[in-house]
Amino acid sequence: MKKLVVLSGAGMSAESGIRTFRDMGGLWKEYDVMEVASPTAWNNNPKLVHQFYNERRKQLFECEPNQGHHLIKKLEKHFDVHIVTQNVDDLHERAGSSKILHLHGELKKARSTVDSSLVYELDKWELGLEDKCEKGSPLRPHIVWFGESVPAISEAAEIVAQADIFLIIGTSLNVYPAAGLIDYAPNNTPVYIIDPNQPAIHSKKNIAFITEIASVGMEKLFEILELE
């Protein structure tokens, strides 16, 4: 089977009710991102950081995958599908997709502040300073914050480099290093970009734009690829 690689961003989950930082009415209007999503924020006010992510996590527990997520799962009937997502939600997993790499961490997980290998699944939306790892250290959100490196980016680049088809969906391609992944796609690989706001791309890749929201764009992609 041909390998189809998906790079998904915030617009992928917006239809499920997951609020984004950048869109109109997004979280940047309510929060200074550096005060809730950075190592400095954690050092200065961990209680506020927990409050912010608890709100995000509570929202996620109340949301469901949308038609776009389900159509990406359906692609597995036709392709070897690998998803690289910038999203910290678990909606791809809940839609049934099987090969998912999270670039920026996972909202439903927490990790130790003294041993990054200690990562815990959360079955609740609340996390506080009283929650500790097995070594007695406070737990922090399992999120890649602004100013931190992206450990999974090398693996993501290797996945994209093997793509026979590259699908980019719901991302402005403004956030690096994820935005640079397009450059790893082979030159002869067709690239489809689904987003209602066409990103400004300077790449010379073979790009087709589908200027629609995720669910509608995925339906159009099925038509273009003549899939059922």
Protein backbone atom coordinates (compact mmCIF):
# COMPACT_ATOMS: atom_id res chain seq x y z
CA MET A 1 0.00 0.00 0.00
CA LYS A 2 1.12 3.54 -0.67
CA LYS A 3 2.15 5.54 2.39
CA LEU A 4 -0.07 8.53 3.10
CA VAL A 5 1.27 10.87 5.78
CA VAL A 6 -1.01 13.36 7.52
CA LEU A 7 0.21 16.48 9.31
CA SER A 8 -2.70 17.81 11.36
CA GLY A 9 -3.02 21.06 13.27
CA ALA A 10 -5.52 22.98 15.38
CA GLY A 11 -8.04 23.36 12.56
CA MET A 12 -8.39 19.58 12.50
CA SER A 13 -10.06 19.60 15.92
CA ALA A 14 -11.81 22.97 15.77
CA GLU A 15 -15.03 21.38 14.50
CA SER A 16 -15.06 19.19 17.61
CA GLY A 17 -15.18 22.31 19.76
CA ILE A 18 -11.47 22.43 20.67
CA ARG A 19 -10.56 26.08 20.94
CA THR A 20 -7.39 27.26 19.24
CA PHE A 21 -4.82 29.83 20.26
CA ARG A 22 -4.71 31.74 16.99
CA ASP A 23 -8.20 31.95 15.54
CA MET A 24 -10.66 34.74 16.19
CA GLY A 25 -11.86 34.34 19.74
CA GLY A 26 -8.90 32.07 20.39
CA LEU A 27 -7.10 31.58 23.65
CA TRP A 28 -4.52 34.30 23.01
CA LYS A 29 -7.32 36.80 23.66
CA GLU A 30 -7.69 35.43 27.21
CA TYR A 31 -4.17 34.33 28.10
CA ASP A 32 -0.64 35.52 27.56
CA VAL A 33 0.70 32.28 26.16
CA MET A 34 4.05 32.75 27.87
CA GLU A 35 2.27 32.90 31.24
CA VAL A 36 0.58 29.51 30.84
CA ALA A 37 2.59 27.49 28.30
CA SER A 38 6.29 27.97 28.95
CA PRO A 39 8.92 26.74 31.40
CA THR A 40 9.04 30.28 32.87
CA ALA A 41 5.31 30.14 33.50
CA TRP A 42 5.68 26.83 35.32
CA ASN A 43 8.48 28.19 37.49
CA ASN A 44 6.63 31.42 38.28
CA ASN A 45 3.04 30.23 38.71
CA PRO A 46 2.47 26.46 38.39
CA LYS A 47 -1.01 26.84 39.87
CA LEU A 48 -2.08 29.05 36.93
CA VAL A 49 -0.50 26.60 34.46
CA HIS A 50 -2.49 23.75 35.99
CA GLN A 51 -5.65 25.86 35.88
CA PHE A 52 -5.14 26.56 32.17
CA TYR A 53 -4.54 22.92 31.23
CA ASN A 54 -7.31 21.67 33.50
CA GLU A 55 -9.70 23.88 31.51
CA ARG A 56 -8.35 22.47 28.24
CA ARG A 57 -8.53 18.92 29.56
CA LYS A 58 -12.10 19.28 30.86
CA GLN A 59 -13.13 20.56 27.44
CA LEU A 60 -11.43 17.61 25.75
CA PHE A 61 -13.27 15.06 27.92
CA GLU A 62 -16.51 16.64 26.67
CA CYS A 63 -15.58 16.63 22.94
CA GLU A 64 -15.86 13.94 20.28
CA PRO A 65 -13.99 13.31 17.01
CA ASN A 66 -15.53 15.03 14.01
CA GLN A 67 -16.17 13.78 10.49
CA GLY A 68 -12.69 14.87 9.44
CA HIS A 69 -11.11 12.57 12.01
CA HIS A 70 -13.32 9.68 10.93
CA LEU A 71 -12.47 10.19 7.25
CA ILE A 72 -8.76 10.11 8.04
CA LYS A 73 -9.36 6.78 9.78
CA LYS A 74 -11.26 5.62 6.68
CA LEU A 75 -8.16 6.32 4.57
CA GLU A 76 -6.60 3.25 6.21
CA LYS A 77 -8.76 1.13 3.88
CA HIS A 78 -6.71 2.45 0.96
CA PHE A 79 -3.30 3.53 2.34
CA ASP A 80 -0.70 2.92 4.99
CA VAL A 81 -1.63 6.02 6.98
CA HIS A 82 0.74 7.72 9.41
CA ILE A 83 -0.44 10.78 11.35
CA VAL A 84 1.92 13.43 12.67
CA THR A 85 -0.15 15.82 14.75
CA GLN A 86 0.59 19.15 16.36
CA ASN A 87 -2.54 18.67 18.45
CA VAL A 88 -2.40 17.57 22.07
CA ASP A 89 -5.89 16.07 22.04
CA ASP A 90 -6.66 12.36 21.55
CA LEU A 91 -9.34 12.75 18.89
CA HIS A 92 -7.37 10.90 16.20
CA GLU A 93 -7.02 7.97 18.61
CA ARG A 94 -10.69 8.04 19.51
CA ALA A 95 -11.64 8.05 15.83
CA GLY A 96 -9.70 4.81 15.49
CA SER A 97 -6.54 5.86 13.65
CA SER A 98 -3.70 3.51 14.46
CA LYS A 99 -0.36 5.24 13.75
CA ILE A 100 -0.15 8.62 15.48
CA LEU A 101 2.87 10.68 16.49
CA HIS A 102 2.22 13.65 18.79
CA LEU A 103 4.73 16.44 18.23
CA HIS A 104 3.65 18.70 21.06
CA GLY A 105 2.68 16.21 23.76
CA GLU A 106 -0.64 14.87 24.98
CA LEU A 107 -3.17 16.64 27.15
CA LYS A 108 -4.45 13.47 28.83
CA LYS A 109 -0.98 12.62 30.13
CA ALA A 110 1.26 14.05 32.85
CA ARG A 111 4.93 13.54 33.51
CA SER A 112 7.40 13.81 36.35
CA THR A 113 9.33 17.04 36.82
CA VAL A 114 12.46 15.11 37.84
CA ASP A 115 12.34 12.16 35.42
CA SER A 116 10.89 12.82 31.97
CA SER A 117 10.61 9.08 31.30
CA LEU A 118 7.87 8.83 33.93
CA VAL A 119 4.69 9.59 31.98
CA TYR A 120 1.23 8.84 33.33
CA GLU A 121 -2.18 8.46 31.68
CA LEU A 122 -4.85 10.64 33.27
CA ASP A 123 -8.38 9.39 33.80
CA LYS A 124 -9.55 12.74 35.17
CA TRP A 125 -9.37 16.30 33.94
CA GLU A 126 -7.99 17.85 37.14
CA LEU A 127 -4.27 17.92 37.87
CA GLY A 128 -2.76 19.88 40.75
CA LEU A 129 0.41 20.54 42.70
CA GLU A 130 -0.55 17.77 45.11
CA ASP A 131 -0.25 15.17 42.32
CA LYS A 132 3.20 13.57 42.46
CA CYS A 133 5.18 11.01 40.52
CA GLU A 134 6.50 7.83 42.12
CA LYS A 135 9.68 9.70 43.03
CA GLY A 136 7.71 12.29 44.99
CA SER A 137 8.08 15.12 42.49
CA PRO A 138 5.15 17.22 41.23
CA LEU A 139 3.58 16.23 37.93
CA ARG A 140 3.49 18.69 35.04
CA PRO A 141 1.40 18.57 31.86
CA HIS A 142 2.93 16.26 29.25
CA ILE A 143 3.10 19.15 26.80
CA VAL A 144 5.92 20.67 24.75
CA TRP A 145 5.86 24.28 25.87
CA PHE A 146 7.03 27.35 24.00
CA GLY A 147 10.78 27.54 24.41
CA GLU A 148 11.21 23.76 24.73
CA SER A 149 12.65 21.44 22.10
CA VAL A 150 10.37 19.10 20.13
CA PRO A 151 11.79 15.62 20.80
CA ALA A 152 9.66 13.89 18.15
CA ILE A 153 10.58 16.18 15.25
CA SER A 154 13.34 13.90 13.89
CA GLU A 155 11.01 10.91 13.83
CA ALA A 156 8.35 13.05 12.15
CA ALA A 157 10.81 14.14 9.45
CA GLU A 158 11.70 10.50 8.76
CA ILE A 159 8.00 9.63 8.38
CA VAL A 160 7.32 12.53 6.00
CA ALA A 161 10.39 11.63 3.93
CA GLN A 162 8.77 8.27 3.13
CA ALA A 163 5.41 9.71 2.04
CA ASP A 164 3.86 8.77 -1.29
CA ILE A 165 1.12 11.30 -0.54
CA PHE A 166 1.40 14.12 2.01
CA LEU A 167 -1.77 15.60 3.49
CA ILE A 168 -1.57 18.79 5.58
CA ILE A 169 -4.79 19.66 7.32
CA GLY A 170 -5.89 22.42 9.68
CA THR A 171 -2.57 24.20 10.17
CA SER A 172 -1.33 27.65 9.24
CA LEU A 173 2.20 26.29 8.76
CA ASN A 174 3.51 29.14 10.90
CA VAL A 175 4.73 27.14 13.90
CA TYR A 176 8.23 25.72 13.60
CA PRO A 177 9.73 23.21 13.54
CA ALA A 178 6.49 21.49 12.46
CA ALA A 179 5.97 23.89 9.55
CA GLY A 180 9.32 22.81 8.10
CA LEU A 181 8.18 19.20 7.70
CA ILE A 182 6.83 19.98 4.22
CA ASP A 183 10.43 20.31 3.06
CA TYR A 184 11.08 16.66 3.92
CA ALA A 185 8.45 15.34 1.53
CA PRO A 186 9.99 13.85 -1.64
CA ASN A 187 9.85 16.24 -4.61
CA ASN A 188 7.57 13.94 -6.62
CA THR A 189 5.12 13.43 -3.74
CA PRO A 190 1.76 15.17 -4.21
CA VAL A 191 0.89 17.47 -1.31
CA TYR A 192 -2.70 18.32 -0.41
CA ILE A 193 -3.34 21.21 1.98
CA ILE A 194 -6.78 21.46 3.56
CA ASP A 195 -7.45 24.73 5.37
CA PRO A 196 -10.10 27.45 4.93
CA ASN A 197 -7.31 30.04 5.07
CA GLN A 198 -4.80 29.10 2.39
CA PRO A 199 -1.36 29.15 4.01
CA ALA A 200 1.37 31.16 2.29
CA ILE A 201 3.69 28.46 0.95
CA HIS A 202 6.98 29.21 -0.79
CA SER A 203 7.80 25.56 -1.38
CA LYS A 204 8.15 24.31 -4.95
CA LYS A 205 6.39 21.06 -4.06
CA ASN A 206 3.50 19.66 -6.06
CA ILE A 207 0.79 21.32 -3.93
CA ALA A 208 -2.99 21.29 -4.30
CA PHE A 209 -5.00 23.55 -2.00
CA ILE A 210 -8.45 22.63 -0.71
CA THR A 211 -9.72 25.77 1.00
CA GLU A 212 -12.30 24.16 3.27
CA ILE A 213 -12.75 23.20 6.90
CA ALA A 214 -11.42 19.77 7.83
CA SER A 215 -14.56 17.67 7.35
CA VAL A 216 -15.56 19.25 4.03
CA GLY A 217 -11.98 19.23 2.79
CA MET A 218 -11.63 15.53 3.59
CA GLU A 219 -14.80 14.75 1.63
CA LYS A 220 -13.36 16.64 -1.35
CA LEU A 221 -10.05 14.78 -1.00
CA PHE A 222 -11.91 11.46 -1.24
CA GLU A 223 -13.46 12.73 -4.50
CA ILE A 224 -10.10 13.88 -5.87
CA LEU A 225 -8.44 10.55 -5.03
CA GLU A 226 -11.54 8.69 -6.30
CA LEU A 227 -12.01 6.83 -3.04
CA GLU A 228 -15.17 5.50 -1.45
